[in-house]
Amino acid sequence: MENVALAAAIAVLSGLGAGVGIALATGKATEAISRQPEAANKINSIFLIGAAMAEATAIYGFVIAILILFAT
């Protein structure tokens, strides 16, 4: 049982990487918009796509952790 809990905890750690990635992307997008306000719409749309992809990895890790806990 301890191995299952450890495996689930490791799977959930993907959320940590996603959080750091989204934070860095937000900071860089803010800097880019402050340098070029006329490109704010394009920068914002690219940022949102990247943030959604990073968040998807965190959701996949969470789903895998749930499957590990309840499918075994």
N, C-alpha and C. Protein backbone atom coordinates (compact mmCIF):
# COMPACT_ATOMS: atom_id res chain seq x y z
N MET A 1 0.82 -1.20 0.00
CA MET A 1 0.00 0.00 0.00
C MET A 1 0.86 1.26 0.00
N GLU A 2 2.04 1.18 0.68
CA GLU A 2 2.90 2.36 0.71
C GLU A 2 3.41 2.69 -0.68
N ASN A 3 3.67 1.65 -1.49
CA ASN A 3 4.17 1.89 -2.84
C ASN A 3 3.13 2.59 -3.70
N VAL A 4 1.87 2.25 -3.49
CA VAL A 4 0.80 2.88 -4.26
C VAL A 4 0.69 4.36 -3.91
N ALA A 5 0.77 4.67 -2.64
CA ALA A 5 0.70 6.07 -2.21
C ALA A 5 1.90 6.86 -2.72
N LEU A 6 3.07 6.24 -2.71
CA LEU A 6 4.26 6.91 -3.22
C LEU A 6 4.14 7.16 -4.72
N ALA A 7 3.64 6.20 -5.45
CA ALA A 7 3.45 6.36 -6.89
C ALA A 7 2.44 7.47 -7.19
N ALA A 8 1.38 7.54 -6.43
CA ALA A 8 0.38 8.60 -6.63
C ALA A 8 0.97 9.96 -6.30
N ALA A 9 1.78 10.04 -5.25
CA ALA A 9 2.41 11.31 -4.89
C ALA A 9 3.36 11.78 -5.98
N ILE A 10 4.10 10.87 -6.56
CA ILE A 10 5.01 11.22 -7.64
C ILE A 10 4.23 11.70 -8.86
N ALA A 11 3.11 11.07 -9.16
CA ALA A 11 2.29 11.48 -10.30
C ALA A 11 1.72 12.88 -10.09
N VAL A 12 1.36 13.21 -8.87
CA VAL A 12 0.79 14.53 -8.58
C VAL A 12 1.86 15.62 -8.67
N LEU A 13 3.13 15.25 -8.52
CA LEU A 13 4.21 16.24 -8.60
C LEU A 13 4.30 16.91 -9.96
N SER A 14 3.65 16.35 -10.97
CA SER A 14 3.64 17.02 -12.27
C SER A 14 2.95 18.38 -12.18
N GLY A 15 2.07 18.53 -11.21
CA GLY A 15 1.43 19.82 -10.99
C GLY A 15 2.41 20.89 -10.54
N LEU A 16 3.46 20.49 -9.85
CA LEU A 16 4.48 21.44 -9.43
C LEU A 16 5.20 22.03 -10.64
N GLY A 17 5.57 21.18 -11.56
CA GLY A 17 6.23 21.67 -12.78
C GLY A 17 5.32 22.56 -13.60
N ALA A 18 4.07 22.20 -13.68
CA ALA A 18 3.11 23.02 -14.43
C ALA A 18 2.93 24.38 -13.79
N GLY A 19 2.88 24.42 -12.47
CA GLY A 19 2.73 25.69 -11.77
C GLY A 19 3.92 26.61 -11.99
N VAL A 20 5.11 26.05 -11.91
CA VAL A 20 6.32 26.85 -12.14
C VAL A 20 6.35 27.33 -13.59
N GLY A 21 6.00 26.46 -14.52
CA GLY A 21 6.00 26.83 -15.93
C GLY A 21 5.01 27.94 -16.24
N ILE A 22 3.83 27.85 -15.69
CA ILE A 22 2.82 28.88 -15.92
C ILE A 22 3.25 30.20 -15.28
N ALA A 23 3.86 30.13 -14.11
CA ALA A 23 4.33 31.35 -13.46
C ALA A 23 5.41 32.04 -14.29
N LEU A 24 6.35 31.28 -14.81
CA LEU A 24 7.39 31.87 -15.65
C LEU A 24 6.80 32.45 -16.93
N ALA A 25 5.88 31.73 -17.54
CA ALA A 25 5.25 32.22 -18.77
C ALA A 25 4.46 33.50 -18.51
N THR A 26 3.78 33.57 -17.38
CA THR A 26 3.02 34.78 -17.05
C THR A 26 3.95 35.98 -16.88
N GLY A 27 5.06 35.77 -16.21
CA GLY A 27 6.02 36.85 -16.03
C GLY A 27 6.59 37.33 -17.36
N LYS A 28 6.95 36.39 -18.22
CA LYS A 28 7.51 36.77 -19.52
C LYS A 28 6.47 37.44 -20.40
N ALA A 29 5.23 36.98 -20.35
CA ALA A 29 4.17 37.60 -21.14
C ALA A 29 3.92 39.03 -20.66
N THR A 30 3.95 39.23 -19.35
CA THR A 30 3.76 40.57 -18.79
C THR A 30 4.89 41.50 -19.22
N GLU A 31 6.12 40.99 -19.19
CA GLU A 31 7.25 41.80 -19.65
C GLU A 31 7.11 42.14 -21.14
N ALA A 32 6.70 41.17 -21.93
CA ALA A 32 6.56 41.40 -23.37
C ALA A 32 5.48 42.43 -23.67
N ILE A 33 4.37 42.36 -22.95
CA ILE A 33 3.29 43.32 -23.16
C ILE A 33 3.72 44.72 -22.71
N SER A 34 4.52 44.79 -21.64
CA SER A 34 4.96 46.11 -21.20
C SER A 34 5.95 46.73 -22.19
N ARG A 35 6.69 45.89 -22.91
CA ARG A 35 7.62 46.41 -23.92
C ARG A 35 6.91 46.77 -25.22
N GLN A 36 5.90 45.97 -25.59
CA GLN A 36 5.16 46.19 -26.84
C GLN A 36 3.66 46.11 -26.59
N PRO A 37 3.08 47.18 -26.09
CA PRO A 37 1.64 47.15 -25.79
C PRO A 37 0.76 46.92 -27.02
N GLU A 38 1.25 47.31 -28.19
CA GLU A 38 0.44 47.12 -29.40
C GLU A 38 0.31 45.65 -29.79
N ALA A 39 1.17 44.79 -29.28
CA ALA A 39 1.11 43.35 -29.58
C ALA A 39 0.45 42.57 -28.45
N ALA A 40 -0.26 43.25 -27.57
CA ALA A 40 -0.84 42.59 -26.39
C ALA A 40 -1.80 41.47 -26.74
N ASN A 41 -2.63 41.65 -27.75
CA ASN A 41 -3.60 40.61 -28.11
C ASN A 41 -2.91 39.34 -28.59
N LYS A 42 -1.90 39.50 -29.44
CA LYS A 42 -1.18 38.33 -29.95
C LYS A 42 -0.41 37.62 -28.84
N ILE A 43 0.25 38.40 -27.99
CA ILE A 43 1.01 37.82 -26.87
C ILE A 43 0.07 37.09 -25.92
N ASN A 44 -1.07 37.68 -25.64
CA ASN A 44 -2.03 37.08 -24.72
C ASN A 44 -2.57 35.77 -25.27
N SER A 45 -2.87 35.73 -26.56
CA SER A 45 -3.42 34.48 -27.12
C SER A 45 -2.38 33.37 -27.11
N ILE A 46 -1.13 33.70 -27.42
CA ILE A 46 -0.07 32.69 -27.38
C ILE A 46 0.16 32.22 -25.95
N PHE A 47 0.13 33.15 -25.00
CA PHE A 47 0.29 32.78 -23.60
C PHE A 47 -0.81 31.83 -23.13
N LEU A 48 -2.05 32.12 -23.50
CA LEU A 48 -3.16 31.28 -23.06
C LEU A 48 -3.06 29.86 -23.61
N ILE A 49 -2.61 29.73 -24.84
CA ILE A 49 -2.43 28.40 -25.41
C ILE A 49 -1.35 27.64 -24.64
N GLY A 50 -0.25 28.30 -24.36
CA GLY A 50 0.83 27.67 -23.61
C GLY A 50 0.42 27.31 -22.19
N ALA A 51 -0.32 28.20 -21.54
CA ALA A 51 -0.78 27.93 -20.18
C ALA A 51 -1.76 26.76 -20.16
N ALA A 52 -2.60 26.66 -21.17
CA ALA A 52 -3.54 25.55 -21.23
C ALA A 52 -2.80 24.22 -21.41
N MET A 53 -1.76 24.22 -22.23
CA MET A 53 -0.99 23.00 -22.43
C MET A 53 -0.25 22.60 -21.15
N ALA A 54 0.31 23.58 -20.45
CA ALA A 54 1.00 23.28 -19.19
C ALA A 54 0.01 22.78 -18.14
N GLU A 55 -1.15 23.37 -18.11
CA GLU A 55 -2.16 22.93 -17.13
C GLU A 55 -2.67 21.53 -17.47
N ALA A 56 -2.71 21.20 -18.74
CA ALA A 56 -3.15 19.86 -19.14
C ALA A 56 -2.22 18.80 -18.58
N THR A 57 -0.91 19.08 -18.54
CA THR A 57 0.01 18.09 -17.97
C THR A 57 -0.27 17.88 -16.49
N ALA A 58 -0.62 18.93 -15.77
CA ALA A 58 -0.95 18.79 -14.36
C ALA A 58 -2.23 17.98 -14.18
N ILE A 59 -3.19 18.20 -15.04
CA ILE A 59 -4.45 17.45 -14.95
C ILE A 59 -4.20 15.97 -15.27
N TYR A 60 -3.35 15.70 -16.26
CA TYR A 60 -3.01 14.30 -16.57
C TYR A 60 -2.35 13.63 -15.38
N GLY A 61 -1.44 14.32 -14.73
CA GLY A 61 -0.80 13.76 -13.54
C GLY A 61 -1.79 13.48 -12.44
N PHE A 62 -2.75 14.38 -12.25
CA PHE A 62 -3.77 14.18 -11.23
C PHE A 62 -4.65 12.97 -11.56
N VAL A 63 -5.04 12.85 -12.81
CA VAL A 63 -5.87 11.72 -13.23
C VAL A 63 -5.11 10.40 -13.04
N ILE A 64 -3.84 10.39 -13.38
CA ILE A 64 -3.05 9.18 -13.20
C ILE A 64 -2.93 8.84 -11.71
N ALA A 65 -2.75 9.85 -10.86
CA ALA A 65 -2.69 9.60 -9.42
C ALA A 65 -3.99 9.00 -8.91
N ILE A 66 -5.12 9.52 -9.36
CA ILE A 66 -6.42 8.97 -8.95
C ILE A 66 -6.56 7.52 -9.43
N LEU A 67 -6.15 7.27 -10.67
CA LEU A 67 -6.22 5.90 -11.19
C LEU A 67 -5.33 4.95 -10.40
N ILE A 68 -4.14 5.42 -10.03
CA ILE A 68 -3.23 4.57 -9.25
C ILE A 68 -3.85 4.23 -7.91
N LEU A 69 -4.45 5.23 -7.27
CA LEU A 69 -5.02 5.00 -5.94
C LEU A 69 -6.24 4.09 -5.94
N PHE A 70 -7.11 4.29 -6.92
CA PHE A 70 -8.38 3.57 -6.87
C PHE A 70 -8.47 2.37 -7.79
N ALA A 71 -7.55 2.22 -8.72
CA ALA A 71 -7.61 1.08 -9.64
C ALA A 71 -6.81 -0.11 -9.13
N THR A 72 -6.01 0.10 -8.08
CA THR A 72 -5.23 -1.02 -7.56
C THR A 72 -5.82 -1.58 -6.32
